[in-house]
């Protein structure tokens, strides 16, 4: 073949390659200029104006802004899509992509170690709780979810539990025979039985009506949920026991997460990190504000137990720690003791 012919062929190949490159570039630009957004359905069971609800909305805002519209987050509060028992199955099936369930909900899923967070009086303050979730225990527990098709993203704090009923709850004997609503947790079941109460597992969305109709006599929860769900309207007495701690795990369907483009995963992780700081910061103030509003309503009598009364509660409830070793795991409990700086009552 003549040299000039070879030169012409080479020139044509280069031109074709450049053309293909330009075409590919134009296709990519066309795709990125107006892409179909990735949809993330984020479902939860509480009101939008709670710390969890506001945290979910902040996550939505941050990820949509940072992805420049490439991701759309649809937040469904107040059990609009799924109730307590349904939401984890929905996540595993891919019907929703994200949830923020309370930590007690992982026990029925088979990861019983999460119920360590339900042990009464195991945390003395918010800092001790976060030392656990930010430490080895928190990391190890999230790793246990991966075999269930779930990836743990963050822990959201929502403060300490209080007790309520239509009678004063000052001493352990006051609980005798009361039907107390709990989440589905063997630890919480044992806690109520240790107080002499009768535990009743019930979806959060059904609680107000159950209290109003007398199906259950009382419940435990945090002030922000008591206020937003109007629990205080159907409970005459509230005791600031601070016996338990409420927190959530922000989780995502693992297959969905792993299938996201690397850049989008990075943006999602960043939005989770910043919304976690926000959700944790507002939890204390939101609960304090809710308690003030409940007090101002004068529909419930707020009682602060004396140190002696709290110590009696602790003594009655400490056997639950030992009882749950076979379920939660002795090593898990001891790990939390160490990270939280737990001190047993005298």
Protein backbone atom coordinates (compact mmCIF):
# COMPACT_ATOMS: atom_id res chain seq x y z
CA UNK A 1 0.00 0.00 0.00
CA UNK A 2 1.32 3.45 -0.94
CA UNK A 3 2.55 5.78 1.77
CA UNK A 4 -0.03 8.48 0.86
CA UNK A 5 -2.85 5.96 1.15
CA UNK A 6 -1.65 4.92 4.59
CA UNK A 7 -1.54 8.56 5.66
CA UNK A 8 -5.14 9.12 4.47
CA UNK A 9 -6.37 6.04 6.35
CA UNK A 10 -4.56 7.13 9.51
CA UNK A 11 -6.08 10.62 9.22
CA UNK A 12 -9.57 9.16 8.78
CA UNK A 13 -9.15 6.96 11.85
CA UNK A 14 -7.99 9.91 13.95
CA UNK A 15 -10.91 12.03 12.71
CA UNK A 16 -13.35 9.21 13.49
CA UNK A 17 -11.89 8.76 16.96
CA UNK A 18 -12.14 12.49 17.64
CA UNK A 19 -15.69 12.47 16.36
CA UNK A 20 -16.62 9.54 18.52
CA UNK A 21 -15.02 11.23 21.49
CA UNK A 22 -16.94 14.45 20.86
CA UNK A 23 -20.15 12.48 20.40
CA UNK A 24 -19.61 10.59 23.63
CA UNK A 25 -18.88 13.83 25.40
CA UNK A 26 -22.03 15.45 24.04
CA UNK A 27 -24.06 12.38 25.11
CA UNK A 28 -22.62 12.58 28.60
CA UNK A 29 -23.36 16.29 28.79
CA UNK A 30 -26.91 15.69 27.58
CA UNK A 31 -27.38 13.02 30.23
CA UNK A 32 -26.00 15.10 33.07
CA UNK A 33 -27.73 18.34 32.10
CA UNK A 34 -31.18 16.93 32.80
CA UNK A 35 -30.88 13.44 34.31
CA UNK A 36 -33.65 11.41 35.86
CA UNK A 37 -33.10 11.93 39.61
CA UNK A 38 -32.33 9.06 41.94
CA UNK A 39 -35.31 8.69 44.30
CA UNK A 40 -34.75 7.88 47.98
CA UNK A 41 -37.86 7.15 50.03
CA UNK A 42 -37.15 7.91 53.70
CA UNK A 43 -39.91 6.61 55.98
CA UNK A 44 -40.32 7.14 59.73
CA UNK A 45 -43.05 6.85 62.36
CA UNK A 46 -42.93 10.15 64.25
CA UNK A 47 -44.09 13.70 63.56
CA UNK A 48 -42.13 16.04 61.26
CA UNK A 49 -41.54 18.53 64.10
CA UNK A 50 -39.64 16.08 66.33
CA UNK A 51 -35.82 15.79 66.43
CA UNK A 52 -35.98 12.72 64.16
CA UNK A 53 -38.44 14.39 61.81
CA UNK A 54 -36.34 17.52 61.58
CA UNK A 55 -33.20 15.46 61.12
CA UNK A 56 -34.77 13.63 58.17
CA UNK A 57 -35.83 16.92 56.61
CA UNK A 58 -32.35 18.37 57.06
CA UNK A 59 -30.83 15.31 55.37
CA UNK A 60 -33.24 15.77 52.45
CA UNK A 61 -32.31 19.44 52.13
CA UNK A 62 -28.55 18.84 52.25
CA UNK A 63 -28.45 15.91 49.83
CA UNK A 64 -30.73 17.54 47.27
CA UNK A 65 -28.68 20.74 47.38
CA UNK A 66 -25.29 19.01 47.22
CA UNK A 67 -26.33 16.65 44.43
CA UNK A 68 -27.76 19.59 42.47
CA UNK A 69 -31.01 17.78 41.96
CA UNK A 70 -29.51 14.44 40.94
CA UNK A 71 -31.03 12.91 44.08
CA UNK A 72 -34.56 13.48 45.32
CA UNK A 73 -35.40 12.48 48.90
CA UNK A 74 -39.05 11.81 49.68
CA UNK A 75 -39.68 11.90 53.44
CA UNK A 76 -42.77 10.09 54.76
CA UNK A 77 -43.40 10.85 58.48
CA UNK A 78 -46.06 9.67 60.94
CA UNK A 79 -46.22 6.07 59.65
CA UNK A 80 -47.67 7.31 56.34
CA UNK A 81 -46.14 4.33 54.55
CA UNK A 82 -45.39 1.71 57.20
CA UNK A 83 -45.95 1.08 60.89
CA UNK A 84 -43.29 -0.07 63.36
CA UNK A 85 -43.44 -3.77 62.57
CA UNK A 86 -43.65 -3.27 58.81
CA UNK A 87 -40.93 -0.77 58.04
CA UNK A 88 -37.84 -2.96 58.39
CA UNK A 89 -39.29 -5.60 56.10
CA UNK A 90 -40.16 -2.86 53.60
CA UNK A 91 -36.55 -1.66 53.68
CA UNK A 92 -35.16 -5.16 53.13
CA UNK A 93 -37.52 -5.65 50.18
CA UNK A 94 -36.50 -2.29 48.71
CA UNK A 95 -39.97 -0.74 49.00
CA UNK A 96 -38.27 2.12 50.83
CA UNK A 97 -34.59 2.98 50.80
CA UNK A 98 -34.05 4.63 54.18
CA UNK A 99 -35.44 4.45 57.73
CA UNK A 100 -34.57 5.75 61.18
CA UNK A 101 -36.05 3.11 63.52
CA UNK A 102 -35.48 3.11 67.25
CA UNK A 103 -32.72 0.74 68.28
CA UNK A 104 -35.17 -1.62 69.98
CA UNK A 105 -36.54 -2.69 66.59
CA UNK A 106 -33.47 -4.69 65.61
CA UNK A 107 -34.05 -7.37 68.24
CA UNK A 108 -37.03 -8.93 66.42
CA UNK A 109 -34.94 -8.78 63.24
CA UNK A 110 -32.46 -11.16 64.85
CA UNK A 111 -29.77 -8.70 65.93
CA UNK A 112 -30.53 -8.97 69.65
CA UNK A 113 -27.37 -7.17 70.71
CA UNK A 114 -29.04 -3.84 69.86
CA UNK A 115 -31.34 -4.34 72.84
CA UNK A 116 -28.42 -3.43 75.09
CA UNK A 117 -29.52 0.18 74.52
CA UNK A 118 -32.85 -0.63 76.22
CA UNK A 119 -31.29 -1.68 79.52
CA UNK A 120 -32.62 0.61 82.27
CA UNK A 121 -30.29 3.25 83.71
CA UNK A 122 -27.32 2.07 81.63
CA UNK A 123 -26.56 5.64 80.48
CA UNK A 124 -26.03 8.45 82.97
CA UNK A 125 -26.14 11.25 80.38
CA UNK A 126 -26.09 11.98 76.65
CA UNK A 127 -22.29 11.98 76.56
CA UNK A 128 -22.13 8.41 77.88
CA UNK A 129 -24.60 7.30 75.21
CA UNK A 130 -22.59 8.90 72.42
CA UNK A 131 -19.37 7.39 73.74
CA UNK A 132 -20.95 4.01 72.99
CA UNK A 133 -22.44 4.80 69.57
CA UNK A 134 -19.24 6.54 68.45
CA UNK A 135 -17.09 3.72 69.84
CA UNK A 136 -16.41 0.07 69.12
CA UNK A 137 -19.86 -1.11 70.19
CA UNK A 138 -21.63 1.21 67.78
CA UNK A 139 -19.41 0.12 64.89
CA UNK A 140 -19.69 -3.59 65.70
CA UNK A 141 -23.48 -3.46 65.91
CA UNK A 142 -23.81 -1.77 62.53
CA UNK A 143 -21.60 -4.48 61.03
CA UNK A 144 -24.09 -7.11 62.24
CA UNK A 145 -26.83 -5.52 60.10
CA UNK A 146 -25.05 -6.08 56.79
CA UNK A 147 -26.00 -9.76 56.59
CA UNK A 148 -29.62 -8.60 56.81
CA UNK A 149 -29.21 -6.42 53.72
CA UNK A 150 -28.99 -3.24 55.82
CA UNK A 151 -26.24 -0.66 56.10
CA UNK A 152 -26.05 1.51 59.21
CA UNK A 153 -25.27 5.14 58.50
CA UNK A 154 -25.58 7.00 61.82
CA UNK A 155 -27.02 7.02 65.33
CA UNK A 156 -29.45 9.82 66.16
CA UNK A 157 -29.91 10.66 69.83
CA UNK A 158 -33.30 11.67 71.26
CA UNK A 159 -32.69 11.85 74.97
CA UNK A 160 -34.11 10.10 77.99
CA UNK A 161 -37.37 8.29 78.57
CA UNK A 162 -40.01 9.46 81.01
CA UNK A 163 -42.99 7.48 82.33
CA UNK A 164 -46.69 8.35 82.21
CA UNK A 165 -50.00 6.98 83.45
CA UNK A 166 -53.33 8.16 84.80
CA UNK A 167 -51.99 7.89 88.35
CA UNK A 168 -48.81 9.13 90.05
CA UNK A 169 -45.73 6.98 89.42
CA UNK A 170 -43.43 7.86 92.29
CA UNK A 171 -42.37 4.48 93.64
CA UNK A 172 -41.91 1.01 92.20
CA UNK A 173 -45.12 -0.17 93.88
CA UNK A 174 -47.10 2.40 91.87
CA UNK A 175 -46.59 0.32 88.71
CA UNK A 176 -48.21 -2.83 90.02
CA UNK A 177 -50.82 -4.17 87.59
CA UNK A 178 -50.58 -1.27 85.11
CA UNK A 179 -50.73 -2.12 81.41
CA UNK A 180 -47.72 -0.26 80.00
CA UNK A 181 -47.11 0.14 76.28
CA UNK A 182 -43.64 -0.81 75.07
CA UNK A 183 -41.84 -1.30 71.79
CA UNK A 184 -41.16 -4.88 70.76
CA UNK A 185 -38.13 -5.55 72.97
CA UNK A 186 -37.52 -8.40 75.39
CA UNK A 187 -35.47 -6.01 77.52
CA UNK A 188 -38.33 -3.52 77.80
CA UNK A 189 -40.69 -6.41 78.53
CA UNK A 190 -38.43 -7.53 81.40
CA UNK A 191 -38.12 -3.92 82.60
CA UNK A 192 -41.87 -3.46 82.99
CA UNK A 193 -42.28 -6.84 84.64
CA UNK A 194 -39.53 -5.97 87.13
CA UNK A 195 -41.60 -2.91 88.08
CA UNK A 196 -44.71 -5.06 88.50
CA UNK A 197 -46.40 -3.73 85.36
CA UNK A 198 -47.89 -5.69 82.45
CA UNK A 199 -46.04 -4.88 79.20
CA UNK A 200 -48.11 -4.39 76.04
CA UNK A 201 -46.33 -4.27 72.65
CA UNK A 202 -48.02 -1.71 70.42
CA UNK A 203 -47.24 0.37 67.33
CA UNK A 204 -46.45 3.99 68.11
CA UNK A 205 -49.13 5.17 65.67
CA UNK A 206 -51.79 3.38 67.74
CA UNK A 207 -50.68 4.66 71.14
CA UNK A 208 -52.80 7.80 71.55
CA UNK A 209 -56.07 6.00 70.88
CA UNK A 210 -55.05 3.09 73.09
CA UNK A 211 -54.32 5.44 75.98
CA UNK A 212 -57.51 7.41 75.38
CA UNK A 213 -59.68 4.28 75.35
CA UNK A 214 -57.91 2.60 78.26
CA UNK A 215 -56.52 -0.32 76.25
CA UNK A 216 -53.24 0.55 77.97
CA UNK A 217 -52.76 2.54 81.17
CA UNK A 218 -49.45 4.20 80.50
CA UNK A 219 -46.29 4.35 78.46
CA UNK A 220 -42.69 5.47 78.33
CA UNK A 221 -41.17 7.87 75.83
CA UNK A 222 -39.41 11.19 75.36
CA UNK A 223 -41.02 14.62 75.90
CA UNK A 224 -40.84 15.62 72.23
CA UNK A 225 -42.89 12.57 71.23
CA UNK A 226 -45.26 13.03 74.16
CA UNK A 227 -45.95 16.57 72.99
CA UNK A 228 -46.17 16.11 69.21
CA UNK A 229 -48.38 13.02 69.53
CA UNK A 230 -50.49 14.69 72.26
CA UNK A 231 -49.86 11.85 74.70
CA UNK A 232 -50.02 14.36 77.56
CA UNK A 233 -53.69 15.02 76.72
CA UNK A 234 -54.63 11.45 77.70
CA UNK A 235 -52.20 10.95 80.61
CA UNK A 236 -52.76 12.72 83.91
CA UNK A 237 -49.32 12.07 85.41
CA UNK A 238 -45.79 12.18 84.00
CA UNK A 239 -42.68 11.20 85.93
CA UNK A 240 -39.24 12.47 84.88
CA UNK A 241 -37.56 9.15 85.55
CA UNK A 242 -34.86 9.31 82.85
CA UNK A 243 -34.64 5.54 83.21
CA UNK A 244 -34.10 4.69 79.56
CA UNK A 245 -32.64 6.30 76.50
CA UNK A 246 -34.24 6.71 73.08
CA UNK A 247 -32.12 6.68 69.96
CA UNK A 248 -32.48 5.83 66.31
CA UNK A 249 -30.31 4.16 63.71
CA UNK A 250 -30.39 5.84 60.32
CA UNK A 251 -30.19 2.90 57.93
CA UNK A 252 -30.31 2.27 54.19
CA UNK A 253 -30.95 -0.73 51.97
CA UNK A 254 -27.41 -2.08 51.43
CA UNK A 255 -27.92 -3.20 47.83
CA UNK A 256 -29.31 0.23 46.95
CA UNK A 257 -26.45 2.00 48.71
CA UNK A 258 -23.76 -0.15 47.11
CA UNK A 259 -25.32 0.44 43.68
CA UNK A 260 -25.14 4.22 43.90
CA UNK A 261 -22.46 6.03 41.88
CA UNK A 262 -19.40 6.65 44.06
CA UNK A 263 -19.87 10.41 43.91
CA UNK A 264 -23.50 10.17 45.05
CA UNK A 265 -22.51 7.83 47.91
CA UNK A 266 -19.99 10.41 49.03
CA UNK A 267 -22.59 13.18 48.95
CA UNK A 268 -25.06 10.99 50.86
CA UNK A 269 -22.46 10.20 53.53
CA UNK A 270 -21.65 13.89 53.86
CA UNK A 271 -25.33 14.84 54.20
CA UNK A 272 -25.82 12.12 56.84
CA UNK A 273 -22.82 13.33 58.82
CA UNK A 274 -24.03 16.93 58.93
CA UNK A 275 -27.70 16.08 59.56
CA UNK A 276 -26.59 13.82 62.43
CA UNK A 277 -24.79 16.72 64.11
CA UNK A 278 -27.93 18.81 63.64
CA UNK A 279 -30.36 16.14 64.92
CA UNK A 280 -28.25 15.43 68.00
CA UNK A 281 -27.85 19.12 68.81
CA UNK A 282 -31.57 19.87 68.72
CA UNK A 283 -32.67 16.79 70.69
CA UNK A 284 -31.94 18.34 74.10
CA UNK A 285 -33.55 21.69 73.33
CA UNK A 286 -36.58 20.13 71.61
CA UNK A 287 -37.28 17.86 74.57
CA UNK A 288 -36.85 20.71 77.04
CA UNK A 289 -39.21 22.90 75.01
CA UNK A 290 -41.78 20.10 74.75
CA UNK A 291 -41.70 19.56 78.50
CA UNK A 292 -42.28 23.28 79.09
CA UNK A 293 -45.31 23.21 76.77
CA UNK A 294 -46.73 20.10 78.45
CA UNK A 295 -46.32 21.76 81.84
CA UNK A 296 -47.96 24.97 80.61
CA UNK A 297 -50.94 23.00 79.29
CA UNK A 298 -51.74 21.85 82.86
CA UNK A 299 -53.22 18.66 81.39
CA UNK A 300 -50.55 16.51 83.04
CA UNK A 301 -48.90 16.76 86.43
CA UNK A 302 -45.11 16.63 86.07
CA UNK A 303 -43.23 14.89 88.89
CA UNK A 304 -39.47 14.77 89.51
CA UNK A 305 -38.52 11.75 91.64
CA UNK A 306 -36.25 12.24 94.64
CA UNK A 307 -32.74 10.72 94.55
CA UNK A 308 -33.91 8.08 97.03
CA UNK A 309 -36.87 7.14 94.82
CA UNK A 310 -34.65 6.88 91.75
CA UNK A 311 -32.22 4.69 93.66
CA UNK A 312 -35.11 2.37 94.54
CA UNK A 313 -36.08 2.22 90.86
CA UNK A 314 -32.49 1.36 89.96
CA UNK A 315 -32.31 -1.42 92.53
CA UNK A 316 -35.56 -2.90 91.24
CA UNK A 317 -34.37 -2.74 87.64
CA UNK A 318 -30.72 -3.80 87.89
CA UNK A 319 -31.62 -7.53 87.85
CA UNK A 320 -32.81 -6.95 84.26
CA UNK A 321 -29.17 -6.40 83.23
CA UNK A 322 -28.17 -9.82 84.53
CA UNK A 323 -31.31 -11.48 83.20
CA UNK A 324 -30.66 -10.20 79.67
CA UNK A 325 -27.04 -11.40 79.45
CA UNK A 326 -28.16 -14.59 77.72
CA UNK A 327 -30.10 -12.62 75.12
CA UNK A 328 -28.03 -9.50 74.51
CA UNK A 329 -24.65 -11.05 75.27
CA UNK A 330 -22.51 -10.56 78.35
CA UNK A 331 -19.61 -9.22 76.28
CA UNK A 332 -21.87 -6.61 74.65
CA UNK A 333 -23.19 -5.42 78.01
CA UNK A 334 -19.71 -5.24 79.51
CA UNK A 335 -18.49 -3.32 76.46
CA UNK A 336 -21.23 -0.74 76.94
CA UNK A 337 -20.48 -0.55 80.68
CA UNK A 338 -16.87 0.31 79.88
CA UNK A 339 -17.56 2.84 77.13
CA UNK A 340 -20.43 4.51 79.03
CA UNK A 341 -18.68 4.60 82.39
CA UNK A 342 -21.56 2.69 83.99
CA UNK A 343 -21.67 2.59 87.80
CA UNK A 344 -24.06 0.16 89.51
CA UNK A 345 -26.32 1.59 92.25
CA UNK A 346 -25.38 0.97 95.87
